[in-house]
Amino acid sequence: MHPFLAVGFLAVSDAAPAETTTTEIHLNRSGINTIDIPPENAHVDCGGTLRIRFKNRGAPIHITATTSNAGMFTDFFHENMYVIDEVTLGISLRKECAPGFFDIDIIAGYGAMKATLRVEVTVKPSREEATLEKEIPVQPEAHGRPHLLMVAMALSLILYCSWYYTRIDLLNLVAFIALIVGALFVWYRQT
C-alpha cells in the first residue's frame, strides 16, 4: 500500500436517507418557449429533496424557477438556468416542517410563458410518534372515583333539599359552604 493513498472510513447512520422525488418538465415540446408540466402535483416528504428535471426538445432556452410561498419548507427562492438539452434542479426541504404545499413558477421566453408546479409536502410520523399517537376518546374516561366537585354538589343538593323540607337554617348554610369549598378546592387544584 502506498503511504500517500487516501484512507476512507464508512460512517453508518441510524437515520434513514432522505427520499428524493423527481418530476419532469418538458420545454419547447409543443411550441416555442412552451412549458409542459405534469398534470399531477409533485409530492415530497419533509427532509427530502425534490429534483425537477427540465428536458428541452428544441432550441436552447433561458428559464427562471422561482417561488414566493416556500419559506417555511425550504431555503430555495430563485434560480436562473440556461437549458440546452437537460438540466436538473434540486430543492432540499427542511427536516422540521409542517405538512402543506408551495408553488414553483417556471418562466420562459423572458416572461412570455409561465407555468406553475404545485409541490405538496407531507410529513411521515416518526416511530415514537406512531406509538405515542392515541385516539382522543369521544366521551371522557372514568378514572374510578367521583370528582370532588361532584361529591360536593351532591352533598349540597341533599342538604338543600333537607333544608327545604325541614326549614332548619343551618342545613342551608352548610349546603352553601360545601358547594363553595368544593368549587374552591377544584379551582386551586387545576394543573
Protein backbone atom coordinates (compact mmCIF):
# COMPACT_ATOMS: atom_id res chain seq x y z
CA MET A 1 0.00 0.00 0.00
CA HIS A 2 1.32 3.41 -0.93
CA PRO A 3 1.70 5.81 2.07
CA PHE A 4 0.07 8.73 0.22
CA LEU A 5 -3.13 6.90 -0.67
CA ALA A 6 -6.21 8.26 0.98
CA VAL A 7 -7.82 6.18 3.64
CA GLY A 8 -11.61 6.21 3.69
CA PHE A 9 -13.98 5.48 6.50
CA LEU A 10 -17.52 4.30 6.25
CA ALA A 11 -19.94 6.06 8.57
CA VAL A 12 -23.27 4.40 9.19
CA SER A 13 -26.15 6.45 10.44
CA ASP A 14 -29.27 5.08 12.08
CA ALA A 15 -31.41 7.68 10.30
CA ALA A 16 -32.95 6.66 7.01
CA PRO A 17 -31.73 8.61 4.00
CA ALA A 18 -33.99 11.39 2.85
CA GLU A 19 -36.17 10.41 -0.07
CA THR A 20 -35.74 12.06 -3.44
CA THR A 21 -38.69 12.82 -5.68
CA THR A 22 -38.13 13.53 -9.37
CA THR A 23 -40.52 15.50 -11.56
CA GLU A 24 -40.02 16.05 -15.29
CA ILE A 25 -40.92 19.29 -17.05
CA HIS A 26 -40.68 19.46 -20.83
CA LEU A 27 -39.60 22.65 -22.57
CA ASN A 28 -40.21 23.56 -26.24
CA ARG A 29 -42.13 20.31 -26.79
CA SER A 30 -45.43 21.68 -28.09
CA GLY A 31 -44.13 25.02 -29.40
CA ILE A 32 -41.53 27.75 -28.95
CA ASN A 33 -40.93 28.65 -25.27
CA THR A 34 -43.66 26.28 -24.06
CA ILE A 35 -43.53 24.73 -20.61
CA ASP A 36 -45.31 21.39 -20.19
CA ILE A 37 -45.68 20.45 -16.53
CA PRO A 38 -47.09 17.12 -15.34
CA PRO A 39 -50.85 17.08 -14.67
CA GLU A 40 -50.43 15.83 -11.08
CA ASN A 41 -48.81 17.70 -8.22
CA ALA A 42 -45.30 16.86 -7.08
CA HIS A 43 -45.15 15.12 -3.69
CA VAL A 44 -42.14 15.27 -1.36
CA ASP A 45 -41.53 14.45 2.31
CA CYS A 46 -40.04 16.83 4.87
CA GLY A 47 -36.28 16.44 4.87
CA GLY A 48 -36.36 15.05 1.34
CA THR A 49 -35.20 16.50 -1.95
CA LEU A 50 -37.34 17.50 -4.90
CA ARG A 51 -35.50 17.12 -8.18
CA ILE A 52 -37.01 18.87 -11.17
CA ARG A 53 -35.61 17.60 -14.46
CA PHE A 54 -36.04 20.09 -17.29
CA LYS A 55 -35.94 18.35 -20.70
CA ASN A 56 -35.55 20.66 -23.67
CA ARG A 57 -36.92 19.41 -27.00
CA GLY A 58 -35.99 22.43 -29.11
CA ALA A 59 -33.54 25.33 -29.30
CA PRO A 60 -31.63 26.27 -26.12
CA ILE A 61 -33.84 28.22 -23.75
CA HIS A 62 -33.40 30.50 -20.75
CA ILE A 63 -35.80 29.75 -17.87
CA THR A 64 -36.35 31.05 -14.37
CA ALA A 65 -37.68 28.94 -11.49
CA THR A 66 -38.96 30.97 -8.56
CA THR A 67 -41.20 30.57 -5.57
CA SER A 68 -42.71 33.07 -3.20
CA ASN A 69 -44.54 30.88 -0.68
CA ALA A 70 -41.96 28.18 0.15
CA GLY A 71 -40.17 29.95 3.03
CA MET A 72 -41.45 27.57 5.70
CA PHE A 73 -40.41 24.47 3.72
CA THR A 74 -37.11 25.30 2.02
CA ASP A 75 -34.44 27.96 1.53
CA PHE A 76 -34.96 27.89 -2.25
CA PHE A 77 -36.21 31.17 -3.69
CA HIS A 78 -34.97 31.76 -7.23
CA GLU A 79 -32.86 30.07 -9.91
CA ASN A 80 -31.95 31.16 -13.46
CA MET A 81 -30.98 28.36 -15.86
CA TYR A 82 -29.91 28.02 -19.45
CA VAL A 83 -31.19 24.68 -20.73
CA ILE A 84 -29.55 23.20 -23.80
CA ASP A 85 -30.63 19.55 -23.53
CA GLU A 86 -31.39 18.58 -19.95
CA VAL A 87 -30.85 20.24 -16.56
CA THR A 88 -31.80 19.07 -13.07
CA LEU A 89 -32.72 21.47 -10.29
CA GLY A 90 -32.53 20.10 -6.74
CA ILE A 91 -34.62 21.66 -3.97
CA SER A 92 -33.87 20.39 -0.46
CA LEU A 93 -36.64 20.63 2.10
CA ARG A 94 -36.14 21.30 5.79
CA LYS A 95 -36.26 18.34 8.14
CA GLU A 96 -38.58 20.13 10.55
CA CYS A 97 -41.66 21.41 8.75
CA ALA A 98 -45.41 21.04 8.82
CA PRO A 99 -47.43 19.47 6.02
CA GLY A 100 -48.61 21.86 3.35
CA PHE A 101 -47.81 23.00 -0.18
CA PHE A 102 -45.94 25.61 -2.15
CA ASP A 103 -45.83 26.67 -5.80
CA ILE A 104 -42.87 26.86 -8.15
CA ASP A 105 -43.30 29.29 -11.04
CA ILE A 106 -41.35 28.45 -14.21
CA ILE A 107 -40.95 31.39 -16.58
CA ALA A 108 -39.64 31.12 -20.15
CA GLY A 109 -39.29 33.47 -23.09
CA TYR A 110 -38.35 36.39 -20.80
CA GLY A 111 -41.78 36.41 -19.19
CA ALA A 112 -43.84 35.45 -22.23
CA MET A 113 -44.69 31.96 -20.91
CA LYS A 114 -45.34 30.94 -17.32
CA ALA A 115 -46.37 27.67 -15.68
CA THR A 116 -46.86 26.77 -12.04
CA LEU A 117 -45.96 23.47 -10.43
CA ARG A 118 -47.67 22.72 -7.11
CA VAL A 119 -45.50 20.84 -4.60
CA GLU A 120 -47.29 19.05 -1.76
CA VAL A 121 -45.18 18.49 1.37
CA THR A 122 -46.03 15.54 3.60
CA VAL A 123 -44.67 14.55 6.98
CA LYS A 124 -44.02 10.94 7.89
CA PRO A 125 -44.60 10.25 11.57
CA SER A 126 -41.52 9.05 13.39
CA ARG A 127 -41.52 5.71 15.19
CA GLU A 128 -42.03 7.37 18.57
CA GLU A 129 -44.92 9.50 17.31
CA ALA A 130 -46.59 6.46 15.74
CA THR A 131 -46.51 4.53 19.02
CA LEU A 132 -47.48 7.51 21.17
CA GLU A 133 -50.33 8.59 18.95
CA LYS A 134 -53.61 7.70 20.63
CA GLU A 135 -57.15 8.45 19.61
CA ILE A 136 -58.95 11.04 21.66
CA PRO A 137 -61.99 9.40 23.26
CA VAL A 138 -65.40 10.68 22.21
CA GLN A 139 -66.57 10.70 25.83
CA PRO A 140 -64.47 11.37 28.92
CA GLU A 141 -62.91 8.32 30.52
CA ALA A 142 -63.89 7.38 34.06
CA HIS A 143 -60.96 7.26 36.47
CA GLY A 144 -62.56 5.07 39.12
CA ARG A 145 -63.60 7.64 41.73
CA PRO A 146 -66.01 10.58 41.59
CA HIS A 147 -64.66 14.05 41.15
CA LEU A 148 -64.57 16.07 44.38
CA LEU A 149 -66.72 18.83 42.91
CA MET A 150 -69.42 16.29 42.01
CA VAL A 151 -69.34 14.92 45.57
CA ALA A 152 -69.63 18.46 46.97
CA MET A 153 -72.52 19.23 44.65
CA ALA A 154 -74.36 16.03 45.61
CA LEU A 155 -73.86 16.74 49.32
CA SER A 156 -75.04 20.33 48.84
CA LEU A 157 -78.14 19.14 46.97
CA ILE A 158 -79.03 16.69 49.74
CA LEU A 159 -78.50 19.35 52.43
CA TYR A 160 -80.50 21.93 50.46
CA CYS A 161 -83.39 19.52 49.94
CA SER A 162 -83.30 18.72 53.66
CA TRP A 163 -83.44 22.45 54.48
CA TYR A 164 -86.36 22.95 52.05
CA TYR A 165 -88.50 20.35 53.84
CA THR A 166 -87.38 20.96 57.44
CA ARG A 167 -86.72 24.73 57.33
CA ILE A 168 -83.65 24.34 59.54
CA ASP A 169 -81.43 27.30 58.51
CA LEU A 170 -78.20 25.52 59.50
CA LEU A 171 -78.70 22.94 56.67
CA ASN A 172 -78.96 25.74 54.09
CA LEU A 173 -75.76 27.34 55.38
CA VAL A 174 -73.84 24.01 55.38
CA ALA A 175 -75.08 23.26 51.82
CA PHE A 176 -73.81 26.62 50.61
CA ILE A 177 -70.43 26.19 52.38
CA ALA A 178 -69.99 22.65 50.99
CA LEU A 179 -70.61 23.89 47.47
CA ILE A 180 -68.15 26.79 47.82
CA VAL A 181 -65.45 24.57 49.41
CA GLY A 182 -65.79 22.01 46.59
CA ALA A 183 -65.53 24.70 43.90
CA LEU A 184 -62.54 26.38 45.55
CA PHE A 185 -60.73 23.07 46.02
CA VAL A 186 -61.12 22.19 42.34
CA TRP A 187 -60.18 25.72 41.27
CA TYR A 188 -56.89 25.75 43.18
CA ARG A 189 -56.05 22.15 42.26
CA GLN A 190 -56.05 22.78 38.48
CA THR A 191 -52.97 21.61 36.60
